[in-house]
Amino acid sequence: MTRADEGAIAGFRERFAQIMVESGMPRMAARVYAALLVTDSGRLSAAELAGQLGAGAPAISGAVKYLVQVRLVERGREPGTRHDFCRIHEHTWSEFISQSDPTLVRIEAGSGEGTALLGLDSPAGRRLDETRRFFAFMREEIKESMTKWSRLQEAERHPSP
């Protein structure tokens, strides 16, 4: 890879991170995520991340902690060493979306509780009921979409002759 290629990749990495920031992700977490995304192995040590991003260890650590918490990456350790690394999940977004159901269930249930408390005869109760119905709808749509996605992925892995 040439220096020009490295510069182009670094530029893309920062532009992609900015998209993630504008979508609500903290800046350093977005930069770490983008760095992992553009690395062929999908895996970098904290030192490698710090070097690529020009950031200190505490910033990298906090970003990785956030990304682990939201289940976009995982920490690991090389067997027989003390070298920790951060790895992007193989199927990051499908895994992320698939694991969102418990959160959606809580929002749906909480909205239902609010609807029961406030009643459908109040504007607040109707808003909460719409929220409950929306999240019930989204849960079903996500389930169906993930089934379709799995079929598409399988078809790409094993194309028909």
Protein backbone atom coordinates (compact mmCIF):
# COMPACT_ATOMS: atom_id res chain seq x y z
CA MET A 1 0.00 0.00 0.00
CA THR A 2 1.34 3.39 -0.90
CA ARG A 3 1.37 6.50 1.29
CA ALA A 4 -1.32 7.94 -1.00
CA ASP A 5 -3.48 4.88 -0.34
CA GLU A 6 -2.88 5.21 3.39
CA GLY A 7 -3.83 8.89 3.24
CA ALA A 8 -6.99 8.12 1.26
CA ILE A 9 -7.98 5.42 3.74
CA ALA A 10 -7.32 7.73 6.70
CA GLY A 11 -9.45 10.41 5.05
CA PHE A 12 -12.27 7.94 4.45
CA ARG A 13 -11.95 6.67 8.03
CA GLU A 14 -12.47 10.19 9.38
CA ARG A 15 -15.35 10.94 7.00
CA PHE A 16 -17.08 7.70 7.97
CA ALA A 17 -16.51 8.44 11.65
CA GLN A 18 -18.16 11.82 11.14
CA ILE A 19 -21.24 10.08 9.69
CA MET A 20 -21.39 7.98 12.85
CA VAL A 21 -20.98 11.10 15.04
CA GLU A 22 -23.82 12.81 13.21
CA SER A 23 -25.90 9.68 13.89
CA GLY A 24 -25.34 10.06 17.63
CA MET A 25 -22.18 8.09 18.38
CA PRO A 26 -19.54 9.78 20.58
CA ARG A 27 -16.67 11.15 18.47
CA MET A 28 -13.80 8.98 19.73
CA ALA A 29 -15.96 5.85 19.70
CA ALA A 30 -16.88 6.65 16.09
CA ARG A 31 -13.21 7.07 15.17
CA VAL A 32 -12.25 3.78 16.83
CA TYR A 33 -15.15 1.98 15.16
CA ALA A 34 -14.21 3.40 11.75
CA ALA A 35 -10.56 2.42 12.28
CA LEU A 36 -11.59 -1.16 13.00
CA LEU A 37 -13.98 -1.19 10.08
CA VAL A 38 -11.30 -0.23 7.53
CA THR A 39 -8.69 -2.64 8.89
CA ASP A 40 -8.70 -5.95 6.99
CA SER A 41 -8.40 -8.00 10.18
CA GLY A 42 -11.09 -5.93 11.92
CA ARG A 43 -8.83 -6.08 14.96
CA LEU A 44 -6.38 -3.61 16.48
CA SER A 45 -4.60 -3.23 19.80
CA ALA A 46 -5.12 -0.13 21.93
CA ALA A 47 -1.61 0.99 20.99
CA GLU A 48 -2.35 0.57 17.28
CA LEU A 49 -5.61 2.52 17.66
CA ALA A 50 -3.83 5.29 19.57
CA GLY A 51 -1.14 5.48 16.87
CA GLN A 52 -3.58 5.58 13.97
CA LEU A 53 -5.90 8.08 15.61
CA GLY A 54 -3.33 10.25 17.37
CA ALA A 55 -5.18 9.76 20.65
CA GLY A 56 -4.14 8.91 24.19
CA ALA A 57 -4.74 5.65 26.00
CA PRO A 58 -7.56 7.01 28.20
CA ALA A 59 -9.51 8.24 25.15
CA ILE A 60 -9.07 4.90 23.38
CA SER A 61 -10.05 2.99 26.52
CA GLY A 62 -13.22 5.03 26.99
CA ALA A 63 -14.18 4.65 23.34
CA VAL A 64 -13.63 0.89 23.41
CA LYS A 65 -15.63 0.61 26.64
CA TYR A 66 -18.54 2.41 24.97
CA LEU A 67 -18.35 0.25 21.82
CA VAL A 68 -18.26 -2.94 23.90
CA GLN A 69 -21.23 -1.71 25.94
CA VAL A 70 -23.34 -1.12 22.82
CA ARG A 71 -22.15 -4.47 21.41
CA LEU A 72 -20.45 -3.17 18.27
CA VAL A 73 -17.02 -4.54 19.22
CA GLU A 74 -15.51 -6.99 21.63
CA ARG A 75 -12.28 -7.09 23.58
CA GLY A 76 -9.99 -10.06 23.36
CA ARG A 77 -6.53 -11.21 24.28
CA GLU A 78 -3.96 -13.08 22.26
CA PRO A 79 -3.63 -16.56 23.79
CA GLY A 80 -0.51 -16.80 25.94
CA THR A 81 0.16 -13.05 25.91
CA ARG A 82 -0.83 -9.91 27.74
CA HIS A 83 -1.73 -8.13 24.50
CA ASP A 84 -5.36 -7.03 24.47
CA PHE A 85 -7.08 -6.14 21.26
CA CYS A 86 -10.38 -4.75 20.13
CA ARG A 87 -12.26 -6.60 17.39
CA ILE A 88 -15.26 -5.62 15.34
CA HIS A 89 -17.97 -8.28 15.22
CA GLU A 90 -18.00 -10.27 11.99
CA HIS A 91 -21.54 -9.20 11.14
CA THR A 92 -21.64 -6.02 13.19
CA TRP A 93 -24.91 -4.43 12.20
CA SER A 94 -27.00 -7.57 11.85
CA GLU A 95 -25.75 -8.69 15.28
CA PHE A 96 -26.44 -5.23 16.72
CA ILE A 97 -29.99 -5.13 15.33
CA SER A 98 -30.70 -8.75 16.29
CA GLN A 99 -29.73 -8.05 19.89
CA SER A 100 -31.90 -4.93 20.16
CA ASP A 101 -35.09 -6.84 20.99
CA PRO A 102 -34.74 -6.70 24.80
CA THR A 103 -34.49 -2.90 24.61
CA LEU A 104 -37.46 -2.69 22.27
CA VAL A 105 -39.46 -4.96 24.60
CA ARG A 106 -38.72 -2.67 27.55
CA ILE A 107 -39.79 0.43 25.61
CA GLU A 108 -42.95 -1.32 24.41
CA ALA A 109 -43.81 -2.51 27.93
CA GLY A 110 -43.02 0.85 29.51
CA SER A 111 -45.20 2.62 26.97
CA GLY A 112 -48.01 0.17 27.68
CA GLU A 113 -47.72 0.88 31.39
CA GLY A 114 -47.91 4.62 30.71
CA THR A 115 -50.92 4.13 28.43
CA ALA A 116 -52.74 2.18 31.14
CA LEU A 117 -51.92 4.84 33.72
CA LEU A 118 -52.86 7.88 31.62
CA GLY A 119 -55.67 6.34 29.57
CA LEU A 120 -56.46 6.62 25.89
CA ASP A 121 -58.71 9.59 26.58
CA SER A 122 -55.68 11.83 27.22
CA PRO A 123 -53.21 13.13 24.60
CA ALA A 124 -50.28 11.76 26.63
CA GLY A 125 -51.93 8.33 26.88
CA ARG A 126 -52.53 8.29 23.12
CA ARG A 127 -48.88 9.25 22.46
CA LEU A 128 -47.70 6.45 24.71
CA ASP A 129 -50.07 4.00 23.02
CA GLU A 130 -48.72 5.02 19.62
CA THR A 131 -45.21 4.46 20.99
CA ARG A 132 -46.20 1.01 22.27
CA ARG A 133 -47.79 0.05 18.96
CA PHE A 134 -44.82 1.41 16.98
CA PHE A 135 -42.31 -0.64 18.97
CA ALA A 136 -44.47 -3.77 18.70
CA PHE A 137 -44.59 -3.19 14.94
CA MET A 138 -40.83 -2.58 14.73
CA ARG A 139 -40.04 -5.73 16.69
CA GLU A 140 -42.00 -7.81 14.19
CA GLU A 141 -40.50 -5.99 11.21
CA ILE A 142 -36.97 -6.46 12.52
CA LYS A 143 -37.61 -10.15 13.10
CA GLU A 144 -38.88 -10.56 9.52
CA SER A 145 -36.08 -8.42 8.08
CA MET A 146 -33.41 -10.40 9.90
CA THR A 147 -34.87 -13.64 8.54
CA LYS A 148 -34.73 -12.18 5.01
CA TRP A 149 -31.18 -10.93 5.62
CA SER A 150 -30.07 -14.39 6.76
CA ARG A 151 -31.54 -15.92 3.59
CA LEU A 152 -29.75 -13.33 1.43
CA GLN A 153 -26.44 -13.94 3.22
CA GLU A 154 -26.84 -17.70 2.80
CA ALA A 155 -27.63 -17.30 -0.91
CA GLU A 156 -24.48 -15.20 -1.37
CA ARG A 157 -22.37 -17.82 0.41
CA HIS A 158 -23.88 -20.66 -1.64
CA PRO A 159 -25.03 -19.27 -5.00
CA SER A 160 -27.29 -21.44 -7.14
CA PRO A 161 -25.66 -22.74 -10.34
